[in-house]
């Protein structure tokens, strides 16, 4: 995900907070974990804890992984995701 997509997603979540509070909370949790990965990695590198560094690196990919997961659920019609239209056009893979 690029910065424009993150910004558009956050704007949608803020605009629809009353109508979809769980969506907003879930997205805030994803962003919190992503930020923990970015902030924790340098500390764990200095502490020489390779498993914690690996966990932080995995958290770097939390927003796009969440987006793919929700897109799959939406395509299978298991969960409705109204916010996918905000980020979908520019996140489709070309492969």
PDB file of N, CA and C in Angstrom:
ATOM      1  N   UNK A   1       0.844  -1.179   0.000  1.00  0.00           N
ATOM      2  CA  UNK A   1       0.000   0.000   0.000  1.00  0.00           C
ATOM      3  C   UNK A   1       0.887   1.239   0.000  1.00  0.00           C
ATOM      4  N   UNK A   2       0.446   2.231  -0.739  1.00  0.00           N
ATOM      5  CA  UNK A   2       1.193   3.477  -0.725  1.00  0.00           C
ATOM      6  C   UNK A   2       0.513   4.471   0.218  1.00  0.00           C
ATOM      7  N   UNK A   3       1.147   5.633   0.376  1.00  0.00           N
ATOM      8  CA  UNK A   3       0.655   6.623   1.326  1.00  0.00           C
ATOM      9  C   UNK A   3      -0.718   7.169   0.927  1.00  0.00           C
ATOM     10  N   UNK A   4      -0.953   7.333  -0.359  1.00  0.00           N
ATOM     11  CA  UNK A   4      -2.263   7.823  -0.821  1.00  0.00           C
ATOM     12  C   UNK A   4      -3.369   6.831  -0.460  1.00  0.00           C
ATOM     13  N   UNK A   5      -3.081   5.542  -0.599  1.00  0.00           N
ATOM     14  CA  UNK A   5      -4.077   4.528  -0.255  1.00  0.00           C
ATOM     15  C   UNK A   5      -4.332   4.508   1.249  1.00  0.00           C
ATOM     16  N   UNK A   6      -3.256   4.614   2.040  1.00  0.00           N
ATOM     17  CA  UNK A   6      -3.424   4.650   3.501  1.00  0.00           C
ATOM     18  C   UNK A   6      -4.250   5.861   3.908  1.00  0.00           C
ATOM     19  N   UNK A   7      -3.982   6.991   3.290  1.00  0.00           N
ATOM     20  CA  UNK A   7      -4.714   8.215   3.603  1.00  0.00           C
ATOM     21  C   UNK A   7      -6.182   8.103   3.195  1.00  0.00           C
ATOM     22  N   UNK A   8      -6.446   7.572   2.018  1.00  0.00           N
ATOM     23  CA  UNK A   8      -7.821   7.406   1.557  1.00  0.00           C
ATOM     24  C   UNK A   8      -8.585   6.438   2.457  1.00  0.00           C
ATOM     25  N   UNK A   9      -7.915   5.391   2.874  1.00  0.00           N
ATOM     26  CA  UNK A   9      -8.539   4.400   3.755  1.00  0.00           C
ATOM     27  C   UNK A   9      -8.881   5.025   5.104  1.00  0.00           C
ATOM     28  N   UNK A  10      -7.952   5.783   5.664  1.00  0.00           N
ATOM     29  CA  UNK A  10      -8.194   6.422   6.951  1.00  0.00           C
ATOM     30  C   UNK A  10      -9.323   7.451   6.837  1.00  0.00           C
ATOM     31  N   UNK A  11      -9.354   8.211   5.735  1.00  0.00           N
ATOM     32  CA  UNK A  11     -10.425   9.191   5.528  1.00  0.00           C
ATOM     33  C   UNK A  11     -11.783   8.496   5.465  1.00  0.00           C
ATOM     34  N   UNK A  12     -11.859   7.358   4.794  1.00  0.00           N
ATOM     35  CA  UNK A  12     -13.121   6.615   4.727  1.00  0.00           C
ATOM     36  C   UNK A  12     -13.522   6.148   6.118  1.00  0.00           C
ATOM     37  N   UNK A  13     -12.554   5.623   6.862  1.00  0.00           N
ATOM     38  CA  UNK A  13     -12.852   5.121   8.209  1.00  0.00           C
ATOM     39  C   UNK A  13     -13.356   6.242   9.121  1.00  0.00           C
ATOM     40  N   UNK A  14     -12.753   7.406   9.035  1.00  0.00           N
ATOM     41  CA  UNK A  14     -13.180   8.532   9.865  1.00  0.00           C
ATOM     42  C   UNK A  14     -14.579   8.994   9.446  1.00  0.00           C
ATOM     43  N   UNK A  15     -14.830   9.061   8.158  1.00  0.00           N
ATOM     44  CA  UNK A  15     -16.135   9.510   7.666  1.00  0.00           C
ATOM     45  C   UNK A  15     -17.260   8.538   8.021  1.00  0.00           C
ATOM     46  N   UNK A  16     -16.950   7.265   8.126  1.00  0.00           N
ATOM     47  CA  UNK A  16     -17.977   6.241   8.381  1.00  0.00           C
ATOM     48  C   UNK A  16     -17.856   5.620   9.772  1.00  0.00           C
ATOM     49  N   UNK A  17     -17.213   6.318  10.684  1.00  0.00           N
ATOM     50  CA  UNK A  17     -16.975   5.768  12.025  1.00  0.00           C
ATOM     51  C   UNK A  17     -18.269   5.394  12.750  1.00  0.00           C
ATOM     52  N   UNK A  18     -19.292   6.214  12.627  1.00  0.00           N
ATOM     53  CA  UNK A  18     -20.554   5.916  13.320  1.00  0.00           C
ATOM     54  C   UNK A  18     -21.289   4.727  12.702  1.00  0.00           C
ATOM     55  N   UNK A  19     -21.217   4.604  11.404  1.00  0.00           N
ATOM     56  CA  UNK A  19     -21.924   3.517  10.729  1.00  0.00           C
ATOM     57  C   UNK A  19     -21.183   2.197  10.726  1.00  0.00           C
ATOM     58  N   UNK A  20     -19.862   2.248  10.867  1.00  0.00           N
ATOM     59  CA  UNK A  20     -19.039   1.023  10.845  1.00  0.00           C
ATOM     60  C   UNK A  20     -17.940   1.123  11.902  1.00  0.00           C
ATOM     61  N   UNK A  21     -18.321   1.117  13.182  1.00  0.00           N
ATOM     62  CA  UNK A  21     -17.305   1.306  14.220  1.00  0.00           C
ATOM     63  C   UNK A  21     -16.302   0.155  14.311  1.00  0.00           C
ATOM     64  N   UNK A  22     -16.746  -1.063  14.062  1.00  0.00           N
ATOM     65  CA  UNK A  22     -15.829  -2.199  14.159  1.00  0.00           C
ATOM     66  C   UNK A  22     -14.795  -2.139  13.047  1.00  0.00           C
ATOM     67  N   UNK A  23     -15.205  -1.696  11.859  1.00  0.00           N
ATOM     68  CA  UNK A  23     -14.250  -1.518  10.756  1.00  0.00           C
ATOM     69  C   UNK A  23     -13.165  -0.531  11.169  1.00  0.00           C
ATOM     70  N   UNK A  24     -13.592   0.568  11.775  1.00  0.00           N
ATOM     71  CA  UNK A  24     -12.650   1.602  12.195  1.00  0.00           C
ATOM     72  C   UNK A  24     -11.702   1.076  13.262  1.00  0.00           C
ATOM     73  N   UNK A  25     -12.220   0.345  14.227  1.00  0.00           N
ATOM     74  CA  UNK A  25     -11.376  -0.208  15.289  1.00  0.00           C
ATOM     75  C   UNK A  25     -10.396  -1.237  14.741  1.00  0.00           C
ATOM     76  N   UNK A  26     -10.860  -2.053  13.826  1.00  0.00           N
ATOM     77  CA  UNK A  26      -9.981  -3.066  13.227  1.00  0.00           C
ATOM     78  C   UNK A  26      -8.848  -2.392  12.449  1.00  0.00           C
ATOM     79  N   UNK A  27      -9.171  -1.348  11.691  1.00  0.00           N
ATOM     80  CA  UNK A  27      -8.143  -0.647  10.925  1.00  0.00           C
ATOM     81  C   UNK A  27      -7.159   0.054  11.850  1.00  0.00           C
ATOM     82  N   UNK A  28      -7.659   0.639  12.954  1.00  0.00           N
ATOM     83  CA  UNK A  28      -6.756   1.254  13.923  1.00  0.00           C
ATOM     84  C   UNK A  28      -5.835   0.213  14.552  1.00  0.00           C
ATOM     85  N   UNK A  29      -6.344  -0.993  14.797  1.00  0.00           N
ATOM     86  CA  UNK A  29      -5.507  -2.065  15.338  1.00  0.00           C
ATOM     87  C   UNK A  29      -4.428  -2.473  14.334  1.00  0.00           C
ATOM     88  N   UNK A  30      -4.801  -2.556  13.058  1.00  0.00           N
ATOM     89  CA  UNK A  30      -3.826  -2.892  12.012  1.00  0.00           C
ATOM     90  C   UNK A  30      -2.722  -1.843  11.957  1.00  0.00           C
ATOM     91  N   UNK A  31      -3.116  -0.570  11.981  1.00  0.00           N
ATOM     92  CA  UNK A  31      -2.116   0.501  11.942  1.00  0.00           C
ATOM     93  C   UNK A  31      -1.249   0.528  13.202  1.00  0.00           C
ATOM     94  N   UNK A  32      -1.831   0.183  14.344  1.00  0.00           N
ATOM     95  CA  UNK A  32      -1.060   0.117  15.585  1.00  0.00           C
ATOM     96  C   UNK A  32      -0.014  -0.987  15.506  1.00  0.00           C
ATOM     97  N   UNK A  33      -0.392  -2.155  15.019  1.00  0.00           N
ATOM     98  CA  UNK A  33       0.567  -3.251  14.878  1.00  0.00           C
ATOM     99  C   UNK A  33       1.660  -2.900  13.872  1.00  0.00           C
ATOM    100  N   UNK A  34       1.281  -2.231  12.785  1.00  0.00           N
ATOM    101  CA  UNK A  34       2.248  -1.806  11.777  1.00  0.00           C
ATOM    102  C   UNK A  34       3.265  -0.849  12.383  1.00  0.00           C
ATOM    103  N   UNK A  35       2.768   0.112  13.160  1.00  0.00           N
ATOM    104  CA  UNK A  35       3.651   1.067  13.808  1.00  0.00           C
ATOM    105  C   UNK A  35       4.537   0.396  14.852  1.00  0.00           C
ATOM    106  N   UNK A  36       3.997  -0.582  15.568  1.00  0.00           N
ATOM    107  CA  UNK A  36       4.810  -1.331  16.537  1.00  0.00           C
ATOM    108  C   UNK A  36       5.958  -2.049  15.839  1.00  0.00           C
ATOM    109  N   UNK A  37       5.699  -2.559  14.644  1.00  0.00           N
ATOM    110  CA  UNK A  37       6.761  -3.203  13.882  1.00  0.00           C
ATOM    111  C   UNK A  37       7.864  -2.231  13.522  1.00  0.00           C
ATOM    112  N   UNK A  38       7.477  -1.041  13.040  1.00  0.00           N
ATOM    113  CA  UNK A  38       8.478  -0.038  12.654  1.00  0.00           C
ATOM    114  C   UNK A  38       9.250   0.484  13.860  1.00  0.00           C
ATOM    115  N   UNK A  39       8.572   0.670  14.983  1.00  0.00           N
ATOM    116  CA  UNK A  39       9.240   1.212  16.166  1.00  0.00           C
ATOM    117  C   UNK A  39      10.037   0.147  16.916  1.00  0.00           C
ATOM    118  N   UNK A  40       9.578  -1.085  16.862  1.00  0.00           N
ATOM    119  CA  UNK A  40      10.242  -2.146  17.608  1.00  0.00           C
ATOM    120  C   UNK A  40      11.475  -2.703  16.927  1.00  0.00           C
ATOM    121  N   UNK A  41      11.503  -2.670  15.607  1.00  0.00           N
ATOM    122  CA  UNK A  41      12.619  -3.273  14.878  1.00  0.00           C
ATOM    123  C   UNK A  41      13.981  -2.701  15.272  1.00  0.00           C
ATOM    124  N   UNK A  42      14.171  -1.382  15.286  1.00  0.00           N
ATOM    125  CA  UNK A  42      15.489  -0.870  15.675  1.00  0.00           C
ATOM    126  C   UNK A  42      15.885  -1.251  17.101  1.00  0.00           C
ATOM    127  N   UNK A  43      14.914  -1.232  18.007  1.00  0.00           N
ATOM    128  CA  UNK A  43      15.213  -1.587  19.394  1.00  0.00           C
ATOM    129  C   UNK A  43      15.638  -3.046  19.510  1.00  0.00           C
ATOM    130  N   UNK A  44      14.922  -3.927  18.826  1.00  0.00           N
ATOM    131  CA  UNK A  44      15.262  -5.342  18.916  1.00  0.00           C
ATOM    132  C   UNK A  44      16.540  -5.677  18.158  1.00  0.00           C
ATOM    133  N   UNK A  45      16.866  -4.887  17.137  1.00  0.00           N
ATOM    134  CA  UNK A  45      18.155  -5.075  16.463  1.00  0.00           C
ATOM    135  C   UNK A  45      19.276  -4.744  17.440  1.00  0.00           C
ATOM    136  N   UNK A  46      19.122  -3.642  18.165  1.00  0.00           N
ATOM    137  CA  UNK A  46      20.145  -3.262  19.149  1.00  0.00           C
ATOM    138  C   UNK A  46      20.219  -4.251  20.299  1.00  0.00           C
ATOM    139  N   UNK A  47      19.095  -4.857  20.662  1.00  0.00           N
ATOM    140  CA  UNK A  47      19.079  -5.845  21.743  1.00  0.00           C
ATOM    141  C   UNK A  47      19.494  -7.230  21.267  1.00  0.00           C
ATOM    142  N   UNK A  48      19.734  -7.362  19.963  1.00  0.00           N
ATOM    143  CA  UNK A  48      20.177  -8.625  19.360  1.00  0.00           C
ATOM    144  C   UNK A  48      19.193  -9.761  19.655  1.00  0.00           C
ATOM    145  N   UNK A  49      17.936  -9.509  19.345  1.00  0.00           N
ATOM    146  CA  UNK A  49      16.880 -10.508  19.516  1.00  0.00           C
ATOM    147  C   UNK A  49      16.309 -10.835  18.135  1.00  0.00           C
ATOM    148  N   UNK A  50      16.867 -11.851  17.462  1.00  0.00           N
ATOM    149  CA  UNK A  50      16.462 -12.111  16.070  1.00  0.00           C
ATOM    150  C   UNK A  50      14.995 -12.491  15.910  1.00  0.00           C
ATOM    151  N   UNK A  51      14.410 -13.186  16.870  1.00  0.00           N
ATOM    152  CA  UNK A  51      13.003 -13.583  16.739  1.00  0.00           C
ATOM    153  C   UNK A  51      12.081 -12.376  16.835  1.00  0.00           C
ATOM    154  N   UNK A  52      12.425 -11.443  17.710  1.00  0.00           N
ATOM    155  CA  UNK A  52      11.619 -10.227  17.825  1.00  0.00           C
ATOM    156  C   UNK A  52      11.774  -9.363  16.571  1.00  0.00           C
ATOM    157  N   UNK A  53      12.975  -9.313  16.013  1.00  0.00           N
ATOM    158  CA  UNK A  53      13.197  -8.574  14.772  1.00  0.00           C
ATOM    159  C   UNK A  53      12.362  -9.188  13.654  1.00  0.00           C
ATOM    160  N   UNK A  54      12.329 -10.505  13.572  1.00  0.00           N
ATOM    161  CA  UNK A  54      11.516 -11.189  12.564  1.00  0.00           C
ATOM    162  C   UNK A  54      10.036 -10.860  12.733  1.00  0.00           C
ATOM    163  N   UNK A  55       9.566 -10.846  13.975  1.00  0.00           N
ATOM    164  CA  UNK A  55       8.166 -10.495  14.228  1.00  0.00           C
ATOM    165  C   UNK A  55       7.880  -9.061  13.791  1.00  0.00           C
ATOM    166  N   UNK A  56       8.815  -8.161  14.061  1.00  0.00           N
ATOM    167  CA  UNK A  56       8.632  -6.762  13.647  1.00  0.00           C
ATOM    168  C   UNK A  56       8.614  -6.637  12.130  1.00  0.00           C
ATOM    169  N   UNK A  57       9.472  -7.364  11.462  1.00  0.00           N
ATOM    170  CA  UNK A  57       9.499  -7.315   9.996  1.00  0.00           C
ATOM    171  C   UNK A  57       8.184  -7.843   9.428  1.00  0.00           C
ATOM    172  N   UNK A  58       7.643  -8.880  10.023  1.00  0.00           N
ATOM    173  CA  UNK A  58       6.350  -9.392   9.573  1.00  0.00           C
ATOM    174  C   UNK A  58       5.239  -8.361   9.771  1.00  0.00           C
ATOM    175  N   UNK A  59       5.337  -7.568  10.835  1.00  0.00           N
ATOM    176  CA  UNK A  59       4.335  -6.537  11.079  1.00  0.00           C
ATOM    177  C   UNK A  59       4.404  -5.408  10.059  1.00  0.00           C
ATOM    178  N   UNK A  60       5.542  -5.249   9.383  1.00  0.00           N
ATOM    179  CA  UNK A  60       5.653  -4.243   8.315  1.00  0.00           C
ATOM    180  C   UNK A  60       4.599  -4.483   7.238  1.00  0.00           C
ATOM    181  N   UNK A  61       4.240  -5.733   7.033  1.00  0.00           N
ATOM    182  CA  UNK A  61       3.333  -6.113   5.951  1.00  0.00           C
ATOM    183  C   UNK A  61       1.885  -6.261   6.416  1.00  0.00           C
ATOM    184  N   UNK A  62       1.573  -5.769   7.588  1.00  0.00           N
ATOM    185  CA  UNK A  62       0.236  -5.922   8.149  1.00  0.00           C
ATOM    186  C   UNK A  62      -0.854  -5.213   7.337  1.00  0.00           C
ATOM    187  N   UNK A  63      -0.716  -3.933   6.962  1.00  0.00           N
ATOM    188  CA  UNK A  63      -1.806  -3.290   6.196  1.00  0.00           C
ATOM    189  C   UNK A  63      -2.113  -3.964   4.861  1.00  0.00           C
ATOM    190  N   UNK A  64      -1.108  -4.278   4.011  1.00  0.00           N
ATOM    191  CA  UNK A  64      -1.476  -4.943   2.756  1.00  0.00           C
ATOM    192  C   UNK A  64      -2.018  -6.358   2.965  1.00  0.00           C
ATOM    193  N   UNK A  65      -1.528  -7.052   3.989  1.00  0.00           N
ATOM    194  CA  UNK A  65      -2.042  -8.394   4.272  1.00  0.00           C
ATOM    195  C   UNK A  65      -3.507  -8.319   4.715  1.00  0.00           C
ATOM    196  N   UNK A  66      -3.815  -7.342   5.560  1.00  0.00           N
ATOM    197  CA  UNK A  66      -5.200  -7.144   6.000  1.00  0.00           C
ATOM    198  C   UNK A  66      -6.099  -6.814   4.811  1.00  0.00           C
ATOM    199  N   UNK A  67      -5.610  -5.971   3.933  1.00  0.00           N
ATOM    200  CA  UNK A  67      -6.374  -5.598   2.744  1.00  0.00           C
ATOM    201  C   UNK A  67      -6.651  -6.817   1.862  1.00  0.00           C
ATOM    202  N   UNK A  68      -5.638  -7.644   1.620  1.00  0.00           N
ATOM    203  CA  UNK A  68      -5.842  -8.855   0.811  1.00  0.00           C
ATOM    204  C   UNK A  68      -6.829  -9.809   1.476  1.00  0.00           C
ATOM    205  N   UNK A  69      -6.687  -9.978   2.799  1.00  0.00           N
ATOM    206  CA  UNK A  69      -7.578 -10.859   3.543  1.00  0.00           C
ATOM    207  C   UNK A  69      -9.026 -10.396   3.432  1.00  0.00           C
ATOM    208  N   UNK A  70      -9.257  -9.100   3.632  1.00  0.00           N
ATOM    209  CA  UNK A  70     -10.615  -8.584   3.553  1.00  0.00           C
ATOM    210  C   UNK A  70     -11.159  -8.638   2.133  1.00  0.00           C
ATOM    211  N   UNK A  71     -10.298  -8.404   1.132  1.00  0.00           N
ATOM    212  CA  UNK A  71     -10.738  -8.487  -0.261  1.00  0.00           C
ATOM    213  C   UNK A  71     -11.191  -9.913  -0.589  1.00  0.00           C
ATOM    214  N   UNK A  72     -10.441 -10.902  -0.126  1.00  0.00           N
ATOM    215  CA  UNK A  72     -10.840 -12.302  -0.375  1.00  0.00           C
ATOM    216  C   UNK A  72     -12.191 -12.611   0.267  1.00  0.00           C
ATOM    217  N   UNK A  73     -12.378 -12.174   1.505  1.00  0.00           N
ATOM    218  CA  UNK A  73     -13.660 -12.411   2.171  1.00  0.00           C
ATOM    219  C   UNK A  73     -14.800 -11.712   1.438  1.00  0.00           C
ATOM    220  N   UNK A  74     -14.541 -10.517   0.935  1.00  0.00           N
ATOM    221  CA  UNK A  74     -15.562  -9.779   0.193  1.00  0.00           C
ATOM    222  C   UNK A  74     -15.897 -10.482  -1.124  1.00  0.00           C
ATOM    223  N   UNK A  75     -14.881 -10.955  -1.832  1.00  0.00           N
ATOM    224  CA  UNK A  75     -15.110 -11.639  -3.105  1.00  0.00           C
ATOM    225  C   UNK A  75     -15.871 -12.940  -2.916  1.00  0.00           C
ATOM    226  N   UNK A  76     -15.660 -13.625  -1.803  1.00  0.00           N
ATOM    227  CA  UNK A  76     -16.391 -14.864  -1.495  1.00  0.00           C
ATOM    228  C   UNK A  76     -17.771 -14.576  -0.915  1.00  0.00           C
ATOM    229  N   UNK A  77     -18.094 -13.299  -0.746  1.00  0.00           N
ATOM    230  CA  UNK A  77     -19.355 -12.836  -0.169  1.00  0.00           C
ATOM    231  C   UNK A  77     -19.559 -13.355   1.244  1.00  0.00           C
ATOM    232  N   UNK A  78     -18.451 -13.453   1.989  1.00  0.00           N
ATOM    233  CA  UNK A  78     -18.526 -13.849   3.386  1.00  0.00           C
ATOM    234  C   UNK A  78     -18.568 -12.636   4.312  1.00  0.00           C
ATOM    235  N   UNK A  79     -18.097 -11.487   3.794  1.00  0.00           N
ATOM    236  CA  UNK A  79     -18.048 -10.268   4.586  1.00  0.00           C
ATOM    237  C   UNK A  79     -18.111  -9.078   3.635  1.00  0.00           C
ATOM    238  N   UNK A  80     -18.971  -8.139   3.926  1.00  0.00           N
ATOM    239  CA  UNK A  80     -19.093  -6.971   3.061  1.00  0.00           C
ATOM    240  C   UNK A  80     -18.076  -5.905   3.474  1.00  0.00           C
ATOM    241  N   UNK A  81     -17.313  -5.416   2.515  1.00  0.00           N
ATOM    242  CA  UNK A  81     -16.303  -4.398   2.771  1.00  0.00           C
ATOM    243  C   UNK A  81     -16.550  -3.212   1.849  1.00  0.00           C
ATOM    244  N   UNK A  82     -17.286  -2.237   2.334  1.00  0.00           N
ATOM    245  CA  UNK A  82     -17.614  -1.064   1.527  1.00  0.00           C
ATOM    246  C   UNK A  82     -16.398  -0.206   1.220  1.00  0.00           C
ATOM    247  N   UNK A  83     -15.392  -0.257   2.064  1.00  0.00           N
ATOM    248  CA  UNK A  83     -14.213   0.591   1.888  1.00  0.00           C
ATOM    249  C   UNK A  83     -13.245   0.073   0.838  1.00  0.00           C
ATOM    250  N   UNK A  84     -13.462  -1.106   0.297  1.00  0.00           N
ATOM    251  CA  UNK A  84     -12.558  -1.638  -0.730  1.00  0.00           C
ATOM    252  C   UNK A  84     -12.526  -0.761  -1.975  1.00  0.00           C
ATOM    253  N   UNK A  85     -13.632  -0.100  -2.286  1.00  0.00           N
ATOM    254  CA  UNK A  85     -13.667   0.763  -3.468  1.00  0.00           C
ATOM    255  C   UNK A  85     -12.702   1.937  -3.342  1.00  0.00           C
ATOM    256  N   UNK A  86     -12.326   2.298  -2.130  1.00  0.00           N
ATOM    257  CA  UNK A  86     -11.408   3.420  -1.913  1.00  0.00           C
ATOM    258  C   UNK A  86      -9.994   3.053  -2.342  1.00  0.00           C
ATOM    259  N   UNK A  87      -9.566   1.819  -2.106  1.00  0.00           N
ATOM    260  CA  UNK A  87      -8.194   1.410  -2.385  1.00  0.00           C
ATOM    261  C   UNK A  87      -8.067   0.391  -3.504  1.00  0.00           C
ATOM    262  N   UNK A  88      -9.159  -0.179  -3.943  1.00  0.00           N
ATOM    263  CA  UNK A  88      -9.092  -1.289  -4.895  1.00  0.00           C
ATOM    264  C   UNK A  88      -8.505  -0.953  -6.266  1.00  0.00           C
ATOM    265  N   UNK A  89      -8.862   0.133  -6.916  1.00  0.00           N
ATOM    266  CA  UNK A  89      -8.368   0.332  -8.290  1.00  0.00           C
ATOM    267  C   UNK A  89      -6.860   0.336  -8.424  1.00  0.00           C
ATOM    268  N   UNK A  90      -6.133   0.889  -7.465  1.00  0.00           N
ATOM    269  CA  UNK A  90      -4.689   0.983  -7.601  1.00  0.00           C
ATOM    270  C   UNK A  90      -3.938  -0.122  -6.877  1.00  0.00           C
ATOM    271  N   UNK A  91      -4.633  -1.068  -6.226  1.00  0.00           N
ATOM    272  CA  UNK A  91      -3.944  -2.139  -5.516  1.00  0.00           C
ATOM    273  C   UNK A  91      -4.026  -3.480  -6.219  1.00  0.00           C
ATOM    274  N   UNK A  92      -4.720  -3.555  -7.326  1.00  0.00           N
ATOM    275  CA  UNK A  92      -4.796  -4.834  -8.048  1.00  0.00           C
ATOM    276  C   UNK A  92      -3.440  -5.172  -8.616  1.00  0.00           C
ATOM    277  N   UNK A  93      -3.090  -6.455  -8.501  1.00  0.00           N
ATOM    278  CA  UNK A  93      -1.789  -6.866  -9.019  1.00  0.00           C
ATOM    279  C   UNK A  93      -1.864  -7.047 -10.526  1.00  0.00           C
ATOM    280  N   UNK A  94      -0.726  -6.880 -11.179  1.00  0.00           N
ATOM    281  CA  UNK A  94      -0.664  -7.024 -12.629  1.00  0.00           C
ATOM    282  C   UNK A  94      -0.243  -8.417 -13.031  1.00  0.00           C
ATOM    283  N   UNK A  95       0.087  -9.241 -12.060  1.00  0.00           N
ATOM    284  CA  UNK A  95       0.554 -10.588 -12.371  1.00  0.00           C
ATOM    285  C   UNK A  95      -0.581 -11.548 -12.548  1.00  0.00           C
TER     286      UNK A  95
END
